[in-house]
Amino acid sequence: MAVPKCKVSKARRDKRRSNVWKLDMPGLAKCPKCGEFTLPHRACKACGFYKGREVISVKAD
């Protein structure tokens, strides 16, 4: 069984458990065609356009 060599201080332990290193939510960009919020560098799910051209055919409701 593993045994720690020396005591880990409360500050060091809490620093490791903190949320400082966790990733933030990715930023959203507005689609220039329809105005829907999408992830950057991805085709818009609402209108199917990416970089000014249609890459996905989306059925209109």
C-alpha atoms as a PDB file:
ATOM      1  CA  MET A   1       0.000   0.000   0.000  1.00  0.00           C
ATOM      2  CA  ALA A   2       1.317   3.467  -0.874  1.00  0.00           C
ATOM      3  CA  VAL A   3       2.319   5.652   2.047  1.00  0.00           C
ATOM      4  CA  PRO A   4       3.030   9.399   1.722  1.00  0.00           C
ATOM      5  CA  LYS A   5       6.640  10.364   2.469  1.00  0.00           C
ATOM      6  CA  CYS A   6       5.710  13.599   4.201  1.00  0.00           C
ATOM      7  CA  LYS A   7       2.674  15.637   5.194  1.00  0.00           C
ATOM      8  CA  VAL A   8       0.997  17.738   2.514  1.00  0.00           C
ATOM      9  CA  SER A   9       0.101  21.152   3.910  1.00  0.00           C
ATOM     10  CA  LYS A  10      -3.475  22.443   3.771  1.00  0.00           C
ATOM     11  CA  ALA A  11      -2.440  25.207   1.361  1.00  0.00           C
ATOM     12  CA  ARG A  12      -0.795  22.767  -1.042  1.00  0.00           C
ATOM     13  CA  ARG A  13      -3.731  20.340  -0.817  1.00  0.00           C
ATOM     14  CA  ASP A  14      -6.311  23.088  -1.379  1.00  0.00           C
ATOM     15  CA  LYS A  15      -4.310  24.553  -4.273  1.00  0.00           C
ATOM     16  CA  ARG A  16      -4.483  21.194  -6.009  1.00  0.00           C
ATOM     17  CA  ARG A  17      -8.239  20.878  -5.382  1.00  0.00           C
ATOM     18  CA  SER A  18      -9.057  24.406  -6.542  1.00  0.00           C
ATOM     19  CA  ASN A  19     -10.904  25.209  -9.764  1.00  0.00           C
ATOM     20  CA  VAL A  20      -8.162  27.462 -11.154  1.00  0.00           C
ATOM     21  CA  TRP A  21      -6.905  24.942 -13.714  1.00  0.00           C
ATOM     22  CA  LYS A  22     -10.305  23.844 -15.038  1.00  0.00           C
ATOM     23  CA  LEU A  23     -11.378  24.949 -18.519  1.00  0.00           C
ATOM     24  CA  ASP A  24     -13.928  27.677 -19.118  1.00  0.00           C
ATOM     25  CA  MET A  25     -16.906  27.401 -21.407  1.00  0.00           C
ATOM     26  CA  PRO A  26     -15.932  28.033 -25.044  1.00  0.00           C
ATOM     27  CA  GLY A  27     -16.814  31.430 -26.462  1.00  0.00           C
ATOM     28  CA  LEU A  28     -19.768  31.675 -28.799  1.00  0.00           C
ATOM     29  CA  ALA A  29     -19.726  33.600 -32.075  1.00  0.00           C
ATOM     30  CA  LYS A  30     -22.744  35.069 -33.837  1.00  0.00           C
ATOM     31  CA  CYS A  31     -23.508  33.667 -37.290  1.00  0.00           C
ATOM     32  CA  PRO A  32     -23.259  36.511 -39.836  1.00  0.00           C
ATOM     33  CA  LYS A  33     -26.013  34.921 -41.974  1.00  0.00           C
ATOM     34  CA  CYS A  34     -28.803  34.230 -39.452  1.00  0.00           C
ATOM     35  CA  GLY A  35     -27.541  35.695 -36.153  1.00  0.00           C
ATOM     36  CA  GLU A  36     -27.666  32.392 -34.265  1.00  0.00           C
ATOM     37  CA  PHE A  37     -24.926  31.740 -31.679  1.00  0.00           C
ATOM     38  CA  THR A  38     -22.537  28.946 -32.720  1.00  0.00           C
ATOM     39  CA  LEU A  39     -19.090  27.680 -31.804  1.00  0.00           C
ATOM     40  CA  PRO A  40     -16.323  29.427 -33.755  1.00  0.00           C
ATOM     41  CA  HIS A  41     -14.821  27.650 -36.802  1.00  0.00           C
ATOM     42  CA  ARG A  42     -17.868  25.405 -37.191  1.00  0.00           C
ATOM     43  CA  ALA A  43     -20.830  25.395 -39.564  1.00  0.00           C
ATOM     44  CA  CYS A  44     -24.002  27.004 -38.225  1.00  0.00           C
ATOM     45  CA  LYS A  45     -26.599  24.391 -37.273  1.00  0.00           C
ATOM     46  CA  ALA A  46     -29.466  26.801 -37.876  1.00  0.00           C
ATOM     47  CA  CYS A  47     -28.695  27.858 -41.473  1.00  0.00           C
ATOM     48  CA  GLY A  48     -25.873  25.481 -42.530  1.00  0.00           C
ATOM     49  CA  PHE A  49     -23.474  28.214 -43.683  1.00  0.00           C
ATOM     50  CA  TYR A  50     -19.729  28.429 -42.995  1.00  0.00           C
ATOM     51  CA  LYS A  51     -17.457  31.181 -44.347  1.00  0.00           C
ATOM     52  CA  GLY A  52     -20.211  32.561 -46.572  1.00  0.00           C
ATOM     53  CA  ARG A  53     -21.140  29.320 -48.338  1.00  0.00           C
ATOM     54  CA  GLU A  54     -23.640  26.574 -47.581  1.00  0.00           C
ATOM     55  CA  VAL A  55     -21.915  23.415 -46.363  1.00  0.00           C
ATOM     56  CA  ILE A  56     -24.914  21.685 -44.736  1.00  0.00           C
ATOM     57  CA  SER A  57     -28.364  21.563 -46.249  1.00  0.00           C
ATOM     58  CA  VAL A  58     -30.870  22.455 -43.517  1.00  0.00           C
ATOM     59  CA  LYS A  59     -34.570  21.799 -43.982  1.00  0.00           C
ATOM     60  CA  ALA A  60     -36.754  24.885 -43.438  1.00  0.00           C
ATOM     61  CA  ASP A  61     -39.580  24.459 -40.933  1.00  0.00           C
END
